[in-house]
Protein backbone atom coordinates (compact mmCIF):
# COMPACT_ATOMS: atom_id res chain seq x y z
CA MET A 1 104.11 63.32 157.09
CA LYS A 2 106.57 62.07 159.65
CA ARG A 3 108.63 60.95 156.36
CA ALA A 4 108.31 64.63 154.78
CA LEU A 5 109.55 66.07 158.36
CA VAL A 6 112.78 63.48 158.72
CA ALA A 7 113.34 64.11 155.31
CA PHE A 8 113.01 67.98 155.02
CA ALA A 9 115.21 68.02 158.46
CA ALA A 10 117.71 65.86 156.52
CA VAL A 11 118.29 68.78 154.24
CA THR A 12 117.88 71.04 156.85
CA ALA A 13 120.75 69.44 158.34
CA ALA A 14 123.30 69.41 155.80
CA CYS A 15 122.08 73.04 154.37
CA ASN A 16 123.42 74.20 158.01
CA ALA A 17 125.83 71.88 158.38
CA GLY A 18 129.63 73.29 159.43
CA PRO A 19 132.37 72.91 157.26
CA ARG A 20 133.81 70.35 159.50
CA GLY A 21 130.50 68.91 159.64
CA GLN A 22 129.77 70.25 162.45
CA ALA A 23 125.93 70.89 163.00
CA ASN A 24 125.31 75.10 163.29
CA GLN A 25 123.57 75.81 166.45
CA THR A 26 121.14 78.13 165.10
CA ILE A 27 118.65 74.44 165.30
CA PRO A 28 116.58 74.41 168.93
CA SER A 29 116.99 71.42 171.18
CA ASP A 30 113.30 71.08 170.69
CA SER A 31 113.69 70.40 167.10
CA THR A 32 109.94 69.58 165.89
CA ASP A 33 108.15 73.37 165.71
CA PHE A 34 111.30 74.06 163.89
CA TYR A 35 111.15 71.89 161.29
CA ARG A 36 107.08 71.61 161.05
CA GLN A 37 108.14 75.61 160.58
CA ARG A 38 110.39 74.72 157.99
CA ALA A 39 108.28 72.53 156.26
CA GLU A 40 105.28 74.75 156.37
CA GLN A 41 107.29 77.61 154.72
CA PHE A 42 109.13 75.19 152.09
CA ALA A 43 105.35 73.44 151.41
CA LEU A 44 104.42 77.46 151.35
CA VAL A 45 107.27 78.05 148.42
CA SER A 46 106.66 75.81 146.67
CA SER A 47 102.55 76.70 145.81
CA ALA A 48 104.05 80.20 145.37
CA LYS A 49 106.38 78.60 142.60
CA ASP A 50 103.44 76.69 141.36
CA SER A 51 101.70 79.69 140.97
CA LEU A 52 104.16 81.71 139.41
CA PHE A 53 104.58 78.83 136.44
CA HIS A 54 100.98 79.58 136.26
CA ASP A 55 101.17 83.25 135.67
CA LEU A 56 103.75 82.99 133.41
CA ALA A 57 102.07 80.31 131.48
CA GLU A 58 99.32 82.48 130.97
CA THR A 59 101.37 85.81 129.92
CA THR A 60 102.96 83.35 127.41
CA LYS A 61 99.47 82.41 126.04
CA LEU A 62 98.95 86.49 126.24
CA LEU A 63 102.14 87.19 124.06
CA ALA A 64 101.59 84.37 121.50
CA ASP A 65 98.00 85.93 121.32
CA ILE A 66 99.11 89.05 120.86
CA ASN A 67 101.80 87.96 118.46
CA THR A 68 98.56 87.18 116.26
CA GLU A 69 96.52 90.05 116.67
CA ILE A 70 99.58 91.80 115.43
CA VAL A 71 99.82 89.80 111.91
CA LYS A 72 96.46 90.35 111.68
CA VAL A 73 96.49 93.95 111.49
CA THR A 74 99.85 93.96 109.79
CA PRO A 75 99.23 95.94 106.72
CA LYS A 76 99.94 94.33 103.32
CA LYS A 77 102.85 96.68 101.10
CA LYS A 78 101.40 97.99 98.00
CA LYS A 79 103.23 99.37 95.00
CA ALA A 80 100.74 102.27 94.85
CA VAL A 81 97.60 103.67 96.96
CA ASP A 82 94.85 103.75 94.87
CA VAL A 83 91.99 106.95 95.43
CA ALA A 84 88.68 105.88 95.50
CA VAL A 85 90.21 102.51 97.24
CA ALA A 86 91.67 104.11 99.67
CA THR A 87 89.16 106.55 100.25
CA GLU A 88 86.62 103.83 101.32
CA SER A 89 88.91 102.57 103.44
CA SER A 90 89.53 105.14 105.79
CA SER A 91 87.01 103.26 108.26
CA ASP A 92 88.92 99.69 107.81
CA ARG A 93 92.08 101.82 108.84
CA ALA A 94 90.67 103.30 111.63
CA MET A 95 89.04 100.34 112.68
CA VAL A 96 92.62 98.68 112.37
CA LEU A 97 94.01 101.67 114.33
CA LYS A 98 91.51 100.90 117.41
CA ARG A 99 93.15 97.36 117.72
CA VAL A 100 96.92 98.45 117.39
CA LYS A 101 95.85 100.88 119.99
CA ASP A 102 94.21 97.87 122.04
CA LEU A 103 97.16 95.67 121.63
CA ALA A 104 99.38 98.17 123.04
CA ASP A 105 97.14 98.66 126.11
CA ARG A 106 97.19 94.98 126.60
CA VAL A 107 100.85 94.93 125.84
CA ARG A 108 101.55 96.88 128.56
CA SER A 109 99.28 95.05 130.56
CA SER A 110 101.59 91.71 130.11
CA GLU A 111 104.54 94.28 131.29
CA SER A 112 102.98 94.71 134.28
CA ARG A 113 101.90 91.31 135.19
CA LEU A 114 105.17 90.32 134.16
CA ALA A 115 107.46 92.91 136.57
CA ALA A 116 104.87 91.53 138.90
CA SER A 117 105.53 87.80 138.48
CA GLN A 118 109.69 89.08 138.09
CA LYS A 119 109.52 90.49 141.87
CA ARG A 120 108.14 87.25 142.89
CA LEU A 121 110.23 85.83 141.55
CA GLN A 122 112.98 87.49 143.70
CA THR A 123 110.53 86.76 146.81
CA LEU A 124 110.89 83.59 146.71
CA THR A 125 114.69 83.85 145.51
CA GLY A 126 115.39 85.37 148.91
CA GLU A 127 113.68 82.55 150.47
CA SER A 128 114.68 79.66 149.25
CA ASP A 129 118.36 79.00 149.30
CA SER A 130 116.91 75.24 148.32
CA LEU A 131 114.61 76.71 145.22
CA LYS A 132 116.95 78.58 143.68
CA ALA A 133 119.23 76.53 140.62
CA SER A 134 114.43 75.74 139.91
CA LEU A 135 114.00 79.45 139.85
CA VAL A 136 116.98 79.83 137.24
CA ASP A 137 114.22 78.46 134.75
CA PHE A 138 111.99 80.99 135.29
CA GLN A 139 114.05 83.79 135.33
CA HIS A 140 115.38 82.49 131.77
CA THR A 141 112.00 82.43 130.69
CA ILE A 142 110.58 86.14 132.11
CA ASP A 143 113.94 87.29 129.92
CA GLY A 144 112.65 85.39 127.15
CA LEU A 145 109.58 87.32 127.72
CA LYS A 146 110.11 90.58 128.20
CA THR A 147 112.00 90.82 124.74
CA MET A 148 109.10 89.19 123.58
CA ILE A 149 107.44 92.18 125.08
CA ASP A 150 110.25 95.01 123.43
CA GLU A 151 109.49 93.41 120.13
CA GLN A 152 105.81 93.64 120.49
CA LYS A 153 106.31 97.36 121.38
CA SER A 154 108.68 98.09 118.83
CA THR A 155 105.95 96.21 116.09
CA ILE A 156 103.11 97.77 117.48
CA ALA A 157 104.63 101.40 117.44
CA ASN A 158 105.87 101.06 113.61
CA LEU A 159 102.23 99.73 112.79
CA GLU A 160 100.87 103.07 114.68
CA SER A 161 102.94 105.13 112.77
CA GLU A 162 102.72 103.19 109.17
CA LEU A 163 99.00 103.20 110.64
CA ASN A 164 99.44 107.00 110.87
CA ALA A 165 100.71 108.12 108.26
CA SER A 166 98.56 106.01 106.25
CA LYS A 167 95.26 108.20 107.17
CA ALA A 168 97.13 111.30 106.77
CA GLN A 169 97.69 109.78 103.00
CA VAL A 170 94.36 108.86 102.78
CA THR A 171 93.41 112.47 103.92
CA GLN A 172 95.47 114.09 101.11
CA LEU A 173 93.86 111.45 98.59
CA SER A 174 90.11 112.35 99.77
CA GLN A 175 91.27 116.38 99.39
CA GLU A 176 93.03 115.82 95.65
CA LYS A 177 89.73 113.15 95.01
CA GLN A 178 87.32 116.25 96.13
CA THR A 179 89.33 118.55 94.02
CA LEU A 180 89.27 116.62 91.16
CA THR A 181 85.60 115.67 91.27
CA ASP A 182 85.23 119.82 91.63
CA THR A 183 87.23 120.12 88.83
CA VAL A 184 85.41 117.63 86.55
CA SER A 185 82.18 118.60 87.76
CA ALA A 186 82.86 122.29 87.23
CA MET A 187 83.52 120.87 83.49
CA THR A 188 81.19 119.33 82.91
CA THR A 189 78.95 122.12 84.01
CA ARG A 190 80.47 124.18 81.98
CA GLU A 191 80.28 122.01 78.49
CA ASN A 192 76.83 121.73 79.39
CA THR A 193 75.94 125.40 79.71
CA VAL A 194 74.26 126.68 76.51
CA TYR A 195 73.00 130.58 76.08
CA TRP A 196 69.77 132.25 74.60
CA VAL A 197 68.41 135.51 74.22
CA SER A 198 65.41 136.81 72.51
CA GLY A 199 64.20 140.05 71.80
CA THR A 200 63.52 142.63 68.51
CA LYS A 201 66.19 143.23 65.75
CA LYS A 202 66.71 146.69 67.17
CA GLU A 203 67.48 145.60 70.85
CA LEU A 204 69.95 142.84 69.67
CA ILE A 205 71.70 145.03 67.46
CA LYS A 206 71.75 147.68 70.01
CA LYS A 207 73.08 144.76 72.45
CA GLY A 208 76.17 143.84 69.80
CA LEU A 209 74.19 140.48 69.61
CA VAL A 210 73.19 140.30 65.71
CA ARG A 211 74.41 142.11 62.53
CA GLU A 212 72.91 143.27 59.31
CA VAL A 213 74.68 141.63 56.25
CA GLY A 214 74.03 141.97 52.82
CA GLY A 215 71.12 143.76 51.35
CA ASN A 216 71.08 146.90 48.80
CA ARG A 217 70.51 150.73 49.58
CA LEU A 218 67.85 152.02 48.43
CA LEU A 219 67.86 155.89 47.21
CA LEU A 220 70.21 156.23 50.22
CA ILE A 221 67.58 156.00 52.58
CA THR A 222 65.93 152.69 52.96
CA ARG A 223 68.59 149.20 53.00
CA THR A 224 66.41 145.96 51.75
CA GLY A 225 67.20 142.10 51.74
CA GLU A 226 69.34 142.37 54.78
CA VAL A 227 69.76 139.39 56.72
CA LEU A 228 70.87 139.04 60.07
CA LYS A 229 73.89 137.48 61.36
CA PRO A 230 75.06 137.00 65.15
CA ALA A 231 78.11 138.81 65.62
CA ASP A 232 81.59 137.91 65.88
CA LYS A 233 81.98 137.63 69.34
CA LEU A 234 79.24 137.03 71.69
CA ASP A 235 79.31 137.55 75.56
CA PRO A 236 77.79 135.30 77.66
CA SER A 237 76.73 137.95 80.30
CA ALA A 238 73.89 138.89 77.40
CA PHE A 239 72.03 135.54 77.24
CA THR A 240 70.17 133.50 79.67
CA ALA A 241 72.35 130.70 81.07
CA ILE A 242 70.55 127.11 80.76
CA ASP A 243 71.75 123.84 81.18
CA ARG A 244 71.21 121.88 78.39
CA ARG A 245 71.00 118.40 79.85
CA GLN A 246 67.83 119.59 82.36
CA THR A 247 66.02 122.39 79.82
CA SER A 248 64.25 120.53 76.77
CA GLU A 249 61.75 123.63 76.60
CA ILE A 250 62.36 127.40 76.08
CA LYS A 251 59.01 129.30 76.55
CA LEU A 252 59.27 132.49 74.82
CA PRO A 253 58.58 136.12 76.04
CA LYS A 254 55.37 136.62 74.07
CA ALA A 255 53.22 134.09 73.20
CA ASP A 256 51.65 135.61 70.10
CA LYS A 257 54.56 136.78 68.21
CA LYS A 258 56.25 134.69 66.38
CA TYR A 259 60.68 134.56 67.01
CA LYS A 260 63.03 133.33 63.77
CA LEU A 261 66.46 131.60 64.70
CA VAL A 262 69.54 133.27 63.71
CA THR A 263 72.19 131.40 64.99
CA ASN A 264 72.87 127.82 63.50
CA GLN A 265 71.26 125.14 65.78
CA ASN A 266 69.78 121.85 63.93
CA LEU A 267 66.59 122.60 63.97
CA GLN A 268 65.35 118.68 63.43
CA TYR A 269 65.77 118.31 66.75
CA SER A 270 63.06 120.69 67.70
CA ASN A 271 59.88 121.08 67.69
CA LEU A 272 60.16 123.40 64.32
CA PRO A 273 58.24 122.61 61.08
CA ALA A 274 60.51 121.88 58.41
CA ASN A 275 58.21 124.64 55.97
CA ALA A 276 58.16 126.94 59.08
CA LYS A 277 61.78 128.80 58.02
CA GLY A 278 62.92 128.87 61.29
CA LYS A 279 60.34 130.73 63.00
CA ILE A 280 58.52 129.80 66.16
CA GLN A 281 55.54 130.67 68.37
CA GLY A 282 54.80 129.77 71.77
CA SER A 283 57.64 127.78 73.13
CA LEU A 284 61.23 126.18 70.83
CA GLN A 285 60.82 122.10 72.21
CA ILE A 286 64.00 120.44 71.79
CA THR A 287 64.01 116.52 71.21
CA SER A 288 67.54 116.07 71.05
CA PRO A 289 70.02 118.14 73.94
CA ASP A 290 72.73 117.26 72.39
CA ASN A 291 72.36 117.04 68.49
CA PHE A 292 70.29 119.99 68.59
CA TRP A 293 73.16 122.23 70.44
CA THR A 294 75.77 120.99 68.49
CA ASN A 295 76.57 123.38 65.66
CA SER A 296 76.24 126.06 68.44
CA ARG A 297 76.28 127.48 72.26
CA PHE A 298 74.42 130.58 71.70
CA LEU A 299 70.65 130.77 70.54
CA ILE A 300 69.59 134.60 69.75
CA LEU A 301 65.50 134.31 68.31
CA VAL A 302 64.80 137.49 67.04
CA GLU A 303 60.79 139.03 67.62
CA ASN A 304 59.35 139.51 63.45
């Protein structure tokens, strides 16, 4: 301890020497307490220097970790965004955006920590002229870390901007996908919608759904041999609409009456016998909707 005091006294005396080697009169005649105070101050400054070095090392490690995390959350460039993939990964993108915001908070914390370190450095520099040379390296380190923080802030800002733009794009694509799905669904429903109606000949003629074709007129009063045919233009609103995918049986209004088909469905895919001549009673059962409705989407049943 005495040797340290003597050495520190020599350094201090050299620092306080005048231009001609004469000692300044700032050192008291009883210099033991003075040197002890100066030694304690030197130890305190050295301890603060070590603490500052530790803080800067921790800040450097933190910034390196942040750089690693930034690389992990940086999205890869893609030529095009697939609608399905973009929609499925929307939750992942939200999680990435949260991680980016967390990184921004960590960078701000690092910035505050570095500012505190710089303030301590300025205090040390002011208190100990003998440490100025060694503290220059700390200042260089702080300046480098500040540059790194600025770069990280810029990178994170770009990431947030890209992720927000990507989120908006995903939202737009999701809406477009929903619109497309609705359109496809509507088209599919429309393509699978078929129509049927039943009634007496008189009722169906009055509604303009069937017409008489051919036949002979007897004595200008009666007509025989006419055949009922569907009208050239059929109004869907005059029919009952059904989904052919979901309808395999049509129950006829009057169980005790027979009905004759006047439209051109493929009867071999129904419960009509081959010799029934298109007449059915009770219910019409469809064994293959796609084949049954191939020739016509309109089914007209005339009550006999």
